[in-house]
Amino acid sequence: MSSSERLVELEDLVVRLPVEGEHRTVLRGVDLTIGVGEAVGLVGESGSGKSMTARTIDRLLPAGATVEGTVRFDGQDVWSLDGDALRRFRTDVAMVFQDPRTYINPVRRIGDFMTEAVLAHGLMGKREAGLRAIELLEAVRIDRGAARMRQYPHELSGGMLQRVMIAAVLMARPRLLLADEPTTALDVTTQAEVMAILDELRREFGLAMLFITHDLELATAICNRTVVMYAGQVMEIGPAEAMEEEPIHPYTVALLAARPSITAARARLDAIAGQPMSAYDAPDDGCAFEARCKHAAEECRASMPALITRGDRAVRCVRIDSLRAVEGVVAGD
């Protein structure tokens, strides 16, 4: 991918947050790119750094956080933006959160929520904003848009509110969508409907997207590439289908083995041994996944592995060649 095709570039990103009087590392040398119009899935267990990566891109870190490395959006250093450049960035990047009821003001009407940002930034007049809001409500398959604009959040179901949030973030015609597990709070049927709408609108509007999920299979279904994270580090990157069919890193293999199957009957799922590790608990030397990896060897504890590029794949594992074809672990060419 050439530099002109890259919308987002993270290089050696390190983030530390103030916790109980000390700074704790939550991201450890993250490298990641998102191309123009590309959908990238960010997968991993809770605490792996997925949401923190998205919040760092969108400059939504808490006070006192420190950021090292580079975050670029369309060639500009995000953390150095201010004034008009920062306001433009705020309209170019939109975020869809997990639970819409947490982020939609319960005492304001749906129409006020949807039009607030574009009116505040002076992007549209009130009438134009209202018409666009109704148009977008129809795009996310909410009927009677004009009537819905006058309703309050408690009058809509969780699935409808999530669709309202998706419509609202599209009001300012963003170029990048950060979707942080947008269907977690919904039932399975509604999840499928919301994801179909999100994917359809992303393609229609030509948006780039960073899609955060625990589900590697779901990321494969709607994303071009998948990034697997663990303990604040990127463990594997590759084309979405290839990552599901031929995972390389033992952690990616373990994630796939732990998911339920609708075609194969199993007495119990394969669990990953041990507990997920936070970035601030990860060793300075050695692989962060070593303590839970069934293929760990002495060399895994010797030094922190680098992210090794093999064609269109990248893997953070010193044993990728020696693990070829061992218990389903496949190394790149």
C-alpha atoms as a PDB file:
ATOM      1  CA  MET A   1       0.000   0.000   0.000  1.00  0.00           C
ATOM      2  CA  SER A   2       1.543   3.315  -1.070  1.00  0.00           C
ATOM      3  CA  SER A   3       1.617   6.304   1.269  1.00  0.00           C
ATOM      4  CA  SER A   4      -1.027   8.084  -0.839  1.00  0.00           C
ATOM      5  CA  GLU A   5      -3.434   5.181  -0.269  1.00  0.00           C
ATOM      6  CA  ARG A   6      -2.969   5.193   3.523  1.00  0.00           C
ATOM      7  CA  LEU A   7      -5.577   7.141   5.439  1.00  0.00           C
ATOM      8  CA  VAL A   8      -4.400   6.111   8.922  1.00  0.00           C
ATOM      9  CA  GLU A   9      -0.837   5.223   9.938  1.00  0.00           C
ATOM     10  CA  LEU A  10       0.261   4.179  13.419  1.00  0.00           C
ATOM     11  CA  GLU A  11       4.004   3.739  13.905  1.00  0.00           C
ATOM     12  CA  ASP A  12       5.595   2.368  17.094  1.00  0.00           C
ATOM     13  CA  LEU A  13       2.662   3.705  19.126  1.00  0.00           C
ATOM     14  CA  VAL A  14       3.124   3.594  22.911  1.00  0.00           C
ATOM     15  CA  VAL A  15       0.373   4.868  25.219  1.00  0.00           C
ATOM     16  CA  ARG A  16       0.526   5.180  29.008  1.00  0.00           C
ATOM     17  CA  LEU A  17      -2.347   6.101  31.316  1.00  0.00           C
ATOM     18  CA  PRO A  18      -2.152   7.518  34.851  1.00  0.00           C
ATOM     19  CA  VAL A  19      -3.374   4.873  37.324  1.00  0.00           C
ATOM     20  CA  GLU A  20      -3.037   5.294  41.102  1.00  0.00           C
ATOM     21  CA  GLY A  21      -0.199   7.773  40.842  1.00  0.00           C
ATOM     22  CA  GLU A  22       1.838   5.959  38.190  1.00  0.00           C
ATOM     23  CA  HIS A  23       1.744   5.688  34.413  1.00  0.00           C
ATOM     24  CA  ARG A  24       0.841   2.235  33.117  1.00  0.00           C
ATOM     25  CA  THR A  25       1.485   1.100  29.579  1.00  0.00           C
ATOM     26  CA  VAL A  26      -1.651   0.115  27.631  1.00  0.00           C
ATOM     27  CA  LEU A  27      -0.238   0.045  24.079  1.00  0.00           C
ATOM     28  CA  ARG A  28       3.260  -1.259  23.314  1.00  0.00           C
ATOM     29  CA  GLY A  29       4.747  -0.370  19.944  1.00  0.00           C
ATOM     30  CA  VAL A  30       1.599  -0.704  17.805  1.00  0.00           C
ATOM     31  CA  ASP A  31       2.076  -0.516  14.013  1.00  0.00           C
ATOM     32  CA  LEU A  32      -1.092  -0.356  11.920  1.00  0.00           C
ATOM     33  CA  THR A  33      -2.361   1.134   8.655  1.00  0.00           C
ATOM     34  CA  ILE A  34      -5.872   1.648   7.275  1.00  0.00           C
ATOM     35  CA  GLY A  35      -6.207   2.391   3.577  1.00  0.00           C
ATOM     36  CA  VAL A  36      -8.687   4.768   1.956  1.00  0.00           C
ATOM     37  CA  GLY A  37     -12.027   2.926   1.830  1.00  0.00           C
ATOM     38  CA  GLU A  38     -10.571  -0.145   3.561  1.00  0.00           C
ATOM     39  CA  ALA A  39     -12.210  -2.075   6.414  1.00  0.00           C
ATOM     40  CA  VAL A  40      -9.772  -3.392   9.020  1.00  0.00           C
ATOM     41  CA  GLY A  41     -10.870  -5.719  11.807  1.00  0.00           C
ATOM     42  CA  LEU A  42      -9.176  -5.367  15.208  1.00  0.00           C
ATOM     43  CA  VAL A  43      -9.555  -8.634  17.151  1.00  0.00           C
ATOM     44  CA  GLY A  44      -8.497  -9.833  20.599  1.00  0.00           C
ATOM     45  CA  GLU A  45      -9.622 -10.601  24.130  1.00  0.00           C
ATOM     46  CA  SER A  46     -10.754  -7.908  26.577  1.00  0.00           C
ATOM     47  CA  GLY A  47      -7.811  -5.798  27.696  1.00  0.00           C
ATOM     48  CA  SER A  48      -5.765  -6.418  24.566  1.00  0.00           C
ATOM     49  CA  GLY A  49      -5.750  -2.725  23.615  1.00  0.00           C
ATOM     50  CA  LYS A  50      -8.364  -2.674  20.827  1.00  0.00           C
ATOM     51  CA  SER A  51     -10.529   0.161  22.158  1.00  0.00           C
ATOM     52  CA  MET A  52      -7.490   2.092  23.356  1.00  0.00           C
ATOM     53  CA  THR A  53      -6.081   1.997  19.822  1.00  0.00           C
ATOM     54  CA  ALA A  54      -9.296   3.501  18.437  1.00  0.00           C
ATOM     55  CA  ARG A  55      -9.432   6.142  21.164  1.00  0.00           C
ATOM     56  CA  THR A  56      -5.836   7.117  20.492  1.00  0.00           C
ATOM     57  CA  ILE A  57      -6.619   7.616  16.804  1.00  0.00           C
ATOM     58  CA  ASP A  58      -9.602   9.803  17.728  1.00  0.00           C
ATOM     59  CA  ARG A  59      -7.784  11.738  20.494  1.00  0.00           C
ATOM     60  CA  LEU A  60     -10.178  10.523  23.168  1.00  0.00           C
ATOM     61  CA  LEU A  61      -7.628   9.552  25.811  1.00  0.00           C
ATOM     62  CA  PRO A  62      -8.116  10.729  29.418  1.00  0.00           C
ATOM     63  CA  ALA A  63      -6.211  13.635  30.898  1.00  0.00           C
ATOM     64  CA  GLY A  64      -2.654  12.773  31.864  1.00  0.00           C
ATOM     65  CA  ALA A  65      -2.188  10.140  29.155  1.00  0.00           C
ATOM     66  CA  THR A  66       1.140  10.127  27.340  1.00  0.00           C
ATOM     67  CA  VAL A  67       1.533   9.193  23.674  1.00  0.00           C
ATOM     68  CA  GLU A  68       4.780   8.200  21.984  1.00  0.00           C
ATOM     69  CA  GLY A  69       5.255   7.223  18.366  1.00  0.00           C
ATOM     70  CA  THR A  70       3.196   8.512  15.462  1.00  0.00           C
ATOM     71  CA  VAL A  71      -0.522   8.727  14.670  1.00  0.00           C
ATOM     72  CA  ARG A  72      -1.142  10.137  11.187  1.00  0.00           C
ATOM     73  CA  PHE A  73      -4.454  10.797   9.463  1.00  0.00           C
ATOM     74  CA  ASP A  74      -4.226  11.645   5.778  1.00  0.00           C
ATOM     75  CA  GLY A  75      -0.548  12.456   6.277  1.00  0.00           C
ATOM     76  CA  GLN A  76      -1.061  14.798   9.247  1.00  0.00           C
ATOM     77  CA  ASP A  77       0.160  14.146  12.793  1.00  0.00           C
ATOM     78  CA  VAL A  78      -3.115  13.774  14.712  1.00  0.00           C
ATOM     79  CA  TRP A  79      -1.714  14.685  18.122  1.00  0.00           C
ATOM     80  CA  SER A  80      -0.246  17.971  16.865  1.00  0.00           C
ATOM     81  CA  LEU A  81      -3.487  19.252  15.293  1.00  0.00           C
ATOM     82  CA  ASP A  82      -5.225  22.298  16.743  1.00  0.00           C
ATOM     83  CA  GLY A  83      -7.643  25.031  15.715  1.00  0.00           C
ATOM     84  CA  ASP A  84      -9.347  24.600  12.344  1.00  0.00           C
ATOM     85  CA  ALA A  85      -7.267  21.529  11.481  1.00  0.00           C
ATOM     86  CA  LEU A  86      -8.479  19.761  14.623  1.00  0.00           C
ATOM     87  CA  ARG A  87     -12.103  20.712  13.920  1.00  0.00           C
ATOM     88  CA  ARG A  88     -11.818  19.274  10.392  1.00  0.00           C
ATOM     89  CA  PHE A  89     -10.319  16.111  11.823  1.00  0.00           C
ATOM     90  CA  ARG A  90     -13.238  15.795  14.255  1.00  0.00           C
ATOM     91  CA  THR A  91     -15.684  15.761  11.340  1.00  0.00           C
ATOM     92  CA  ASP A  92     -13.535  13.396   9.252  1.00  0.00           C
ATOM     93  CA  VAL A  93     -13.453  10.727  11.969  1.00  0.00           C
ATOM     94  CA  ALA A  94     -16.574   9.289  13.592  1.00  0.00           C
ATOM     95  CA  MET A  95     -16.946   6.696  16.349  1.00  0.00           C
ATOM     96  CA  VAL A  96     -19.759   4.213  17.015  1.00  0.00           C
ATOM     97  CA  PHE A  97     -19.710   2.957  20.599  1.00  0.00           C
ATOM     98  CA  GLN A  98     -20.864  -0.321  22.163  1.00  0.00           C
ATOM     99  CA  ASP A  99     -23.995   0.783  24.028  1.00  0.00           C
ATOM    100  CA  PRO A 100     -25.993   3.627  22.442  1.00  0.00           C
ATOM    101  CA  ARG A 101     -27.945   4.281  25.648  1.00  0.00           C
ATOM    102  CA  THR A 102     -24.685   5.349  27.300  1.00  0.00           C
ATOM    103  CA  TYR A 103     -23.904   7.969  24.659  1.00  0.00           C
ATOM    104  CA  ILE A 104     -27.311   9.301  23.582  1.00  0.00           C
ATOM    105  CA  ASN A 105     -28.661  11.944  25.956  1.00  0.00           C
ATOM    106  CA  PRO A 106     -31.915  10.491  27.356  1.00  0.00           C
ATOM    107  CA  VAL A 107     -33.600  13.888  27.851  1.00  0.00           C
ATOM    108  CA  ARG A 108     -33.075  15.185  24.307  1.00  0.00           C
ATOM    109  CA  ARG A 109     -35.006  14.239  21.193  1.00  0.00           C
ATOM    110  CA  ILE A 110     -33.493  12.011  18.512  1.00  0.00           C
ATOM    111  CA  GLY A 111     -33.456  14.891  16.034  1.00  0.00           C
ATOM    112  CA  ASP A 112     -31.457  17.089  18.427  1.00  0.00           C
ATOM    113  CA  PHE A 113     -28.907  14.307  18.952  1.00  0.00           C
ATOM    114  CA  MET A 114     -28.481  13.698  15.232  1.00  0.00           C
ATOM    115  CA  THR A 115     -28.091  17.339  14.175  1.00  0.00           C
ATOM    116  CA  GLU A 116     -26.154  18.735  17.128  1.00  0.00           C
ATOM    117  CA  ALA A 117     -22.625  18.184  15.787  1.00  0.00           C
ATOM    118  CA  VAL A 118     -23.155  19.495  12.241  1.00  0.00           C
ATOM    119  CA  LEU A 119     -24.964  22.573  13.561  1.00  0.00           C
ATOM    120  CA  ALA A 120     -22.232  23.239  16.143  1.00  0.00           C
ATOM    121  CA  HIS A 121     -19.534  23.017  13.471  1.00  0.00           C
ATOM    122  CA  GLY A 122     -21.531  25.178  11.069  1.00  0.00           C
ATOM    123  CA  LEU A 123     -21.539  22.447   8.417  1.00  0.00           C
ATOM    124  CA  MET A 124     -25.251  22.779   7.661  1.00  0.00           C
ATOM    125  CA  GLY A 125     -28.224  24.959   8.351  1.00  0.00           C
ATOM    126  CA  LYS A 126     -31.014  23.668  10.562  1.00  0.00           C
ATOM    127  CA  ARG A 127     -33.353  22.768   7.686  1.00  0.00           C
ATOM    128  CA  GLU A 128     -30.636  20.994   5.670  1.00  0.00           C
ATOM    129  CA  ALA A 129     -29.496  19.081   8.758  1.00  0.00           C
ATOM    130  CA  GLY A 130     -33.047  17.963   9.484  1.00  0.00           C
ATOM    131  CA  LEU A 131     -33.583  16.709   5.944  1.00  0.00           C
ATOM    132  CA  ARG A 132     -30.253  14.847   5.944  1.00  0.00           C
ATOM    133  CA  ALA A 133     -31.082  13.262   9.310  1.00  0.00           C
ATOM    134  CA  ILE A 134     -34.391  11.934   7.959  1.00  0.00           C
ATOM    135  CA  GLU A 135     -32.632  10.666   4.842  1.00  0.00           C
ATOM    136  CA  LEU A 136     -30.046   8.815   6.950  1.00  0.00           C
ATOM    137  CA  LEU A 137     -32.693   7.331   9.234  1.00  0.00           C
ATOM    138  CA  GLU A 138     -34.274   5.833   6.138  1.00  0.00           C
ATOM    139  CA  ALA A 139     -30.833   4.593   5.034  1.00  0.00           C
ATOM    140  CA  VAL A 140     -30.474   2.651   8.310  1.00  0.00           C
ATOM    141  CA  ARG A 141     -33.987   1.231   7.798  1.00  0.00           C
ATOM    142  CA  ILE A 142     -35.879   3.297  10.332  1.00  0.00           C
ATOM    143  CA  ASP A 143     -39.253   4.249   8.912  1.00  0.00           C
ATOM    144  CA  ARG A 144     -41.270   7.395   9.646  1.00  0.00           C
ATOM    145  CA  GLY A 145     -38.068   9.414   9.991  1.00  0.00           C
ATOM    146  CA  ALA A 146     -39.764  12.765  10.621  1.00  0.00           C
ATOM    147  CA  ALA A 147     -41.774  11.281  13.481  1.00  0.00           C
ATOM    148  CA  ARG A 148     -38.725   9.497  14.921  1.00  0.00           C
ATOM    149  CA  MET A 149     -36.876  12.823  15.041  1.00  0.00           C
ATOM    150  CA  ARG A 150     -39.404  14.026  17.634  1.00  0.00           C
ATOM    151  CA  GLN A 151     -39.100  10.940  19.829  1.00  0.00           C
ATOM    152  CA  TYR A 152     -36.932  10.415  22.909  1.00  0.00           C
ATOM    153  CA  PRO A 153     -34.363   7.578  23.270  1.00  0.00           C
ATOM    154  CA  HIS A 154     -36.505   5.591  25.716  1.00  0.00           C
ATOM    155  CA  GLU A 155     -39.175   5.257  23.007  1.00  0.00           C
ATOM    156  CA  LEU A 156     -36.848   3.252  20.734  1.00  0.00           C
ATOM    157  CA  SER A 157     -35.450  -0.260  21.107  1.00  0.00           C
ATOM    158  CA  GLY A 158     -31.732  -0.931  21.570  1.00  0.00           C
ATOM    159  CA  GLY A 159     -31.372  -2.027  17.948  1.00  0.00           C
ATOM    160  CA  MET A 160     -33.075   1.111  16.686  1.00  0.00           C
ATOM    161  CA  LEU A 161     -30.915   3.312  18.909  1.00  0.00           C
ATOM    162  CA  GLN A 162     -27.763   1.699  17.542  1.00  0.00           C
ATOM    163  CA  ARG A 163     -28.995   2.425  14.028  1.00  0.00           C
ATOM    164  CA  VAL A 164     -29.716   6.023  15.101  1.00  0.00           C
ATOM    165  CA  MET A 165     -26.116   6.299  16.303  1.00  0.00           C
ATOM    166  CA  ILE A 166     -24.807   4.980  12.971  1.00  0.00           C
ATOM    167  CA  ALA A 167     -26.984   7.488  11.118  1.00  0.00           C
ATOM    168  CA  ALA A 168     -25.818  10.296  13.415  1.00  0.00           C
ATOM    169  CA  VAL A 169     -22.099   9.673  12.824  1.00  0.00           C
ATOM    170  CA  LEU A 170     -22.695   9.788   9.062  1.00  0.00           C
ATOM    171  CA  MET A 171     -24.259  13.255   9.251  1.00  0.00           C
ATOM    172  CA  ALA A 172     -20.939  15.076   8.740  1.00  0.00           C
ATOM    173  CA  ARG A 173     -19.832  12.757   5.901  1.00  0.00           C
ATOM    174  CA  PRO A 174     -16.773  11.321   7.707  1.00  0.00           C
ATOM    175  CA  ARG A 175     -13.925   9.532   5.948  1.00  0.00           C
ATOM    176  CA  LEU A 176     -13.111   7.103   8.778  1.00  0.00           C
ATOM    177  CA  LEU A 177     -15.500   5.124  10.970  1.00  0.00           C
ATOM    178  CA  LEU A 178     -14.264   3.692  14.275  1.00  0.00           C
ATOM    179  CA  ALA A 179     -16.745   0.975  15.279  1.00  0.00           C
ATOM    180  CA  ASP A 180     -16.073  -0.237  18.838  1.00  0.00           C
ATOM    181  CA  GLU A 181     -17.997  -3.525  19.140  1.00  0.00           C
ATOM    182  CA  PRO A 182     -21.175  -1.789  17.954  1.00  0.00           C
ATOM    183  CA  THR A 183     -23.428  -4.838  18.393  1.00  0.00           C
ATOM    184  CA  THR A 184     -22.324  -6.117  21.821  1.00  0.00           C
ATOM    185  CA  ALA A 185     -25.446  -4.903  23.632  1.00  0.00           C
ATOM    186  CA  LEU A 186     -27.862  -6.378  21.053  1.00  0.00           C
ATOM    187  CA  ASP A 187     -29.490  -9.764  20.581  1.00  0.00           C
ATOM    188  CA  VAL A 188     -28.127 -12.060  17.875  1.00  0.00           C
ATOM    189  CA  THR A 189     -30.809 -11.315  15.273  1.00  0.00           C
ATOM    190  CA  THR A 190     -30.509  -7.561  15.714  1.00  0.00           C
ATOM    191  CA  GLN A 191     -26.714  -7.836  15.644  1.00  0.00           C
ATOM    192  CA  ALA A 192     -26.835  -9.379  12.186  1.00  0.00           C
ATOM    193  CA  GLU A 193     -29.198  -6.679  10.911  1.00  0.00           C
ATOM    194  CA  VAL A 194     -27.105  -3.812  12.304  1.00  0.00           C
ATOM    195  CA  MET A 195     -23.864  -5.268  10.926  1.00  0.00           C
ATOM    196  CA  ALA A 196     -25.417  -5.685   7.482  1.00  0.00           C
ATOM    197  CA  ILE A 197     -26.527  -2.045   7.531  1.00  0.00           C
ATOM    198  CA  LEU A 198     -23.120  -0.833   8.743  1.00  0.00           C
ATOM    199  CA  ASP A 199     -21.268  -2.770   6.041  1.00  0.00           C
ATOM    200  CA  GLU A 200     -23.689  -1.660   3.328  1.00  0.00           C
ATOM    201  CA  LEU A 201     -23.418   2.028   4.260  1.00  0.00           C
ATOM    202  CA  ARG A 202     -19.635   1.855   4.575  1.00  0.00           C
ATOM    203  CA  ARG A 203     -19.389   0.574   1.017  1.00  0.00           C
ATOM    204  CA  GLU A 204     -21.986   3.028  -0.287  1.00  0.00           C
ATOM    205  CA  PHE A 205     -20.247   6.069   1.209  1.00  0.00           C
ATOM    206  CA  GLY A 206     -16.696   4.795   0.559  1.00  0.00           C
ATOM    207  CA  LEU A 207     -15.701   4.949   4.234  1.00  0.00           C
ATOM    208  CA  ALA A 208     -12.606   3.459   5.772  1.00  0.00           C
ATOM    209  CA  MET A 209     -13.419   1.542   8.952  1.00  0.00           C
ATOM    210  CA  LEU A 210     -11.646   0.149  11.988  1.00  0.00           C
ATOM    211  CA  PHE A 211     -13.993  -2.547  13.295  1.00  0.00           C
ATOM    212  CA  ILE A 212     -13.303  -3.736  16.857  1.00  0.00           C
ATOM    213  CA  THR A 213     -14.604  -7.171  17.823  1.00  0.00           C
ATOM    214  CA  HIS A 214     -13.891 -10.348  19.795  1.00  0.00           C
ATOM    215  CA  ASP A 215     -15.160 -12.396  16.855  1.00  0.00           C
ATOM    216  CA  LEU A 216     -12.545 -13.274  14.231  1.00  0.00           C
ATOM    217  CA  GLU A 217     -15.209 -14.832  12.004  1.00  0.00           C
ATOM    218  CA  LEU A 218     -17.302 -11.644  12.027  1.00  0.00           C
ATOM    219  CA  ALA A 219     -14.225  -9.583  11.161  1.00  0.00           C
ATOM    220  CA  THR A 220     -13.598 -11.914   8.229  1.00  0.00           C
ATOM    221  CA  ALA A 221     -17.146 -11.416   6.958  1.00  0.00           C
ATOM    222  CA  ILE A 222     -17.005  -7.623   6.698  1.00  0.00           C
ATOM    223  CA  CYS A 223     -13.314  -6.614   6.642  1.00  0.00           C
ATOM    224  CA  ASN A 224     -10.528  -6.590   4.061  1.00  0.00           C
ATOM    225  CA  ARG A 225      -7.756  -7.192   6.588  1.00  0.00           C
ATOM    226  CA  THR A 226      -7.611  -8.434  10.174  1.00  0.00           C
ATOM    227  CA  VAL A 227      -5.281  -7.354  12.975  1.00  0.00           C
ATOM    228  CA  VAL A 228      -4.982  -9.555  16.082  1.00  0.00           C
ATOM    229  CA  MET A 229      -3.880  -7.869  19.326  1.00  0.00           C
ATOM    230  CA  TYR A 230      -2.730  -9.219  22.673  1.00  0.00           C
ATOM    231  CA  ALA A 231      -1.379  -7.381  25.744  1.00  0.00           C
ATOM    232  CA  GLY A 232      -1.260  -4.063  23.902  1.00  0.00           C
ATOM    233  CA  GLN A 233       0.702  -5.435  20.942  1.00  0.00           C
ATOM    234  CA  VAL A 234      -0.123  -6.440  17.378  1.00  0.00           C
ATOM    235  CA  MET A 235       0.439 -10.204  17.091  1.00  0.00           C
ATOM    236  CA  GLU A 236      -0.649 -10.853  13.505  1.00  0.00           C
ATOM    237  CA  ILE A 237      -1.873  -8.938  10.451  1.00  0.00           C
ATOM    238  CA  GLY A 238      -3.137 -10.320   7.175  1.00  0.00           C
ATOM    239  CA  PRO A 239      -5.952 -10.539   4.627  1.00  0.00           C
ATOM    240  CA  ALA A 240      -9.154 -11.379   6.498  1.00  0.00           C
ATOM    241  CA  GLU A 241      -9.942 -14.682   4.766  1.00  0.00           C
ATOM    242  CA  ALA A 242      -6.343 -15.894   4.936  1.00  0.00           C
ATOM    243  CA  MET A 243      -6.210 -15.116   8.657  1.00  0.00           C
ATOM    244  CA  GLU A 244      -9.239 -17.317   9.277  1.00  0.00           C
ATOM    245  CA  GLU A 245      -8.238 -20.158   6.955  1.00  0.00           C
ATOM    246  CA  GLU A 246      -4.495 -20.282   7.713  1.00  0.00           C
ATOM    247  CA  PRO A 247      -3.643 -18.471  10.961  1.00  0.00           C
ATOM    248  CA  ILE A 248       0.054 -18.255  11.769  1.00  0.00           C
ATOM    249  CA  HIS A 249       0.472 -16.954  15.309  1.00  0.00           C
ATOM    250  CA  PRO A 250      -0.381 -19.468  18.081  1.00  0.00           C
ATOM    251  CA  TYR A 251      -2.667 -16.866  19.671  1.00  0.00           C
ATOM    252  CA  THR A 252      -4.699 -16.471  16.473  1.00  0.00           C
ATOM    253  CA  VAL A 253      -4.905 -20.270  16.195  1.00  0.00           C
ATOM    254  CA  ALA A 254      -6.105 -20.479  19.804  1.00  0.00           C
ATOM    255  CA  LEU A 255      -8.758 -17.803  19.263  1.00  0.00           C
ATOM    256  CA  LEU A 256     -10.165 -19.702  16.289  1.00  0.00           C
ATOM    257  CA  ALA A 257     -10.140 -23.004  18.187  1.00  0.00           C
ATOM    258  CA  ALA A 258     -12.043 -21.438  21.100  1.00  0.00           C
ATOM    259  CA  ARG A 259     -15.046 -20.326  19.047  1.00  0.00           C
ATOM    260  CA  PRO A 260     -18.216 -22.443  18.829  1.00  0.00           C
ATOM    261  CA  SER A 261     -19.137 -24.120  15.544  1.00  0.00           C
ATOM    262  CA  ILE A 262     -22.607 -24.538  14.041  1.00  0.00           C
ATOM    263  CA  THR A 263     -21.474 -27.515  11.939  1.00  0.00           C
ATOM    264  CA  ALA A 264     -19.265 -29.569  14.271  1.00  0.00           C
ATOM    265  CA  ALA A 265     -20.451 -31.017  17.580  1.00  0.00           C
ATOM    266  CA  ARG A 266     -18.005 -30.753  20.477  1.00  0.00           C
ATOM    267  CA  ALA A 267     -18.415 -31.678  24.124  1.00  0.00           C
ATOM    268  CA  ARG A 268     -16.708 -28.450  25.169  1.00  0.00           C
ATOM    269  CA  LEU A 269     -14.828 -25.571  23.593  1.00  0.00           C
ATOM    270  CA  ASP A 270     -11.043 -25.396  23.562  1.00  0.00           C
ATOM    271  CA  ALA A 271     -10.147 -22.758  26.136  1.00  0.00           C
ATOM    272  CA  ILE A 272      -6.923 -20.754  26.063  1.00  0.00           C
ATOM    273  CA  ALA A 273      -4.960 -21.665  29.193  1.00  0.00           C
ATOM    274  CA  GLY A 274      -4.291 -18.988  31.798  1.00  0.00           C
ATOM    275  CA  GLN A 275      -5.610 -15.443  32.058  1.00  0.00           C
ATOM    276  CA  PRO A 276      -5.435 -12.628  29.489  1.00  0.00           C
ATOM    277  CA  MET A 277      -2.473 -10.351  30.158  1.00  0.00           C
ATOM    278  CA  SER A 278      -2.668  -6.576  30.304  1.00  0.00           C
ATOM    279  CA  ALA A 279      -0.025  -4.548  28.535  1.00  0.00           C
ATOM    280  CA  TYR A 280       1.368  -3.173  31.806  1.00  0.00           C
ATOM    281  CA  ASP A 281       1.871  -6.748  33.100  1.00  0.00           C
ATOM    282  CA  ALA A 282       3.636  -7.940  29.943  1.00  0.00           C
ATOM    283  CA  PRO A 283       7.367  -8.703  30.263  1.00  0.00           C
ATOM    284  CA  ASP A 284       9.924  -6.322  28.816  1.00  0.00           C
ATOM    285  CA  ASP A 285      11.812  -9.356  27.534  1.00  0.00           C
ATOM    286  CA  GLY A 286      10.119 -12.249  25.811  1.00  0.00           C
ATOM    287  CA  CYS A 287       6.761 -12.850  24.168  1.00  0.00           C
ATOM    288  CA  ALA A 288       3.704 -11.603  26.066  1.00  0.00           C
ATOM    289  CA  PHE A 289       1.756 -14.726  25.058  1.00  0.00           C
ATOM    290  CA  GLU A 290       4.515 -17.155  26.104  1.00  0.00           C
ATOM    291  CA  ALA A 291       2.929 -18.116  29.453  1.00  0.00           C
ATOM    292  CA  ARG A 292      -0.278 -19.280  27.714  1.00  0.00           C
ATOM    293  CA  CYS A 293       1.227 -20.717  24.532  1.00  0.00           C
ATOM    294  CA  LYS A 294       1.382 -24.508  24.159  1.00  0.00           C
ATOM    295  CA  HIS A 295       4.304 -24.094  21.725  1.00  0.00           C
ATOM    296  CA  ALA A 296       6.460 -21.858  23.949  1.00  0.00           C
ATOM    297  CA  ALA A 297      10.205 -22.600  24.095  1.00  0.00           C
ATOM    298  CA  GLU A 298      13.251 -21.043  25.736  1.00  0.00           C
ATOM    299  CA  GLU A 299      13.798 -18.731  22.761  1.00  0.00           C
ATOM    300  CA  CYS A 300      10.358 -17.202  23.365  1.00  0.00           C
ATOM    301  CA  ARG A 301      11.550 -15.888  26.749  1.00  0.00           C
ATOM    302  CA  ALA A 302      14.870 -14.530  25.515  1.00  0.00           C
ATOM    303  CA  SER A 303      13.753 -11.253  23.933  1.00  0.00           C
ATOM    304  CA  MET A 304      10.654  -9.416  22.744  1.00  0.00           C
ATOM    305  CA  PRO A 305       9.832 -10.721  19.246  1.00  0.00           C
ATOM    306  CA  ALA A 306       9.625  -8.264  16.374  1.00  0.00           C
ATOM    307  CA  LEU A 307       6.719  -8.045  13.937  1.00  0.00           C
ATOM    308  CA  ILE A 308       8.044 -10.085  11.005  1.00  0.00           C
ATOM    309  CA  THR A 309       6.634  -9.388   7.530  1.00  0.00           C
ATOM    310  CA  ARG A 310       6.103 -12.285   5.145  1.00  0.00           C
ATOM    311  CA  GLY A 311       4.434 -11.159   1.921  1.00  0.00           C
ATOM    312  CA  ASP A 312       0.994  -9.821   2.831  1.00  0.00           C
ATOM    313  CA  ARG A 313       1.226 -11.206   6.390  1.00  0.00           C
ATOM    314  CA  ALA A 314       3.006  -9.927   9.503  1.00  0.00           C
ATOM    315  CA  VAL A 315       3.543 -12.031  12.637  1.00  0.00           C
ATOM    316  CA  ARG A 316       5.110 -11.390  16.042  1.00  0.00           C
ATOM    317  CA  CYS A 317       6.552 -14.839  16.781  1.00  0.00           C
ATOM    318  CA  VAL A 318      10.125 -16.162  16.746  1.00  0.00           C
ATOM    319  CA  ARG A 319       8.973 -19.741  16.076  1.00  0.00           C
ATOM    320  CA  ILE A 320       6.769 -19.287  13.004  1.00  0.00           C
ATOM    321  CA  ASP A 321       9.039 -21.410  10.809  1.00  0.00           C
ATOM    322  CA  SER A 322       9.596 -24.219  13.309  1.00  0.00           C
ATOM    323  CA  LEU A 323       5.837 -24.426  13.969  1.00  0.00           C
ATOM    324  CA  ARG A 324       4.940 -25.080  10.322  1.00  0.00           C
ATOM    325  CA  ALA A 325       2.096 -27.579  10.132  1.00  0.00           C
ATOM    326  CA  VAL A 326       2.251 -28.334  13.879  1.00  0.00           C
ATOM    327  CA  GLU A 327      -1.246 -28.711  15.360  1.00  0.00           C
ATOM    328  CA  GLY A 328      -2.741 -26.453  12.721  1.00  0.00           C
ATOM    329  CA  VAL A 329      -0.172 -23.665  13.060  1.00  0.00           C
ATOM    330  CA  VAL A 330       0.860 -22.631   9.530  1.00  0.00           C
ATOM    331  CA  ALA A 331       3.854 -20.429   8.773  1.00  0.00           C
ATOM    332  CA  GLY A 332       3.984 -17.983   5.894  1.00  0.00           C
ATOM    333  CA  ASP A 333       6.056 -18.623   2.794  1.00  0.00           C
END
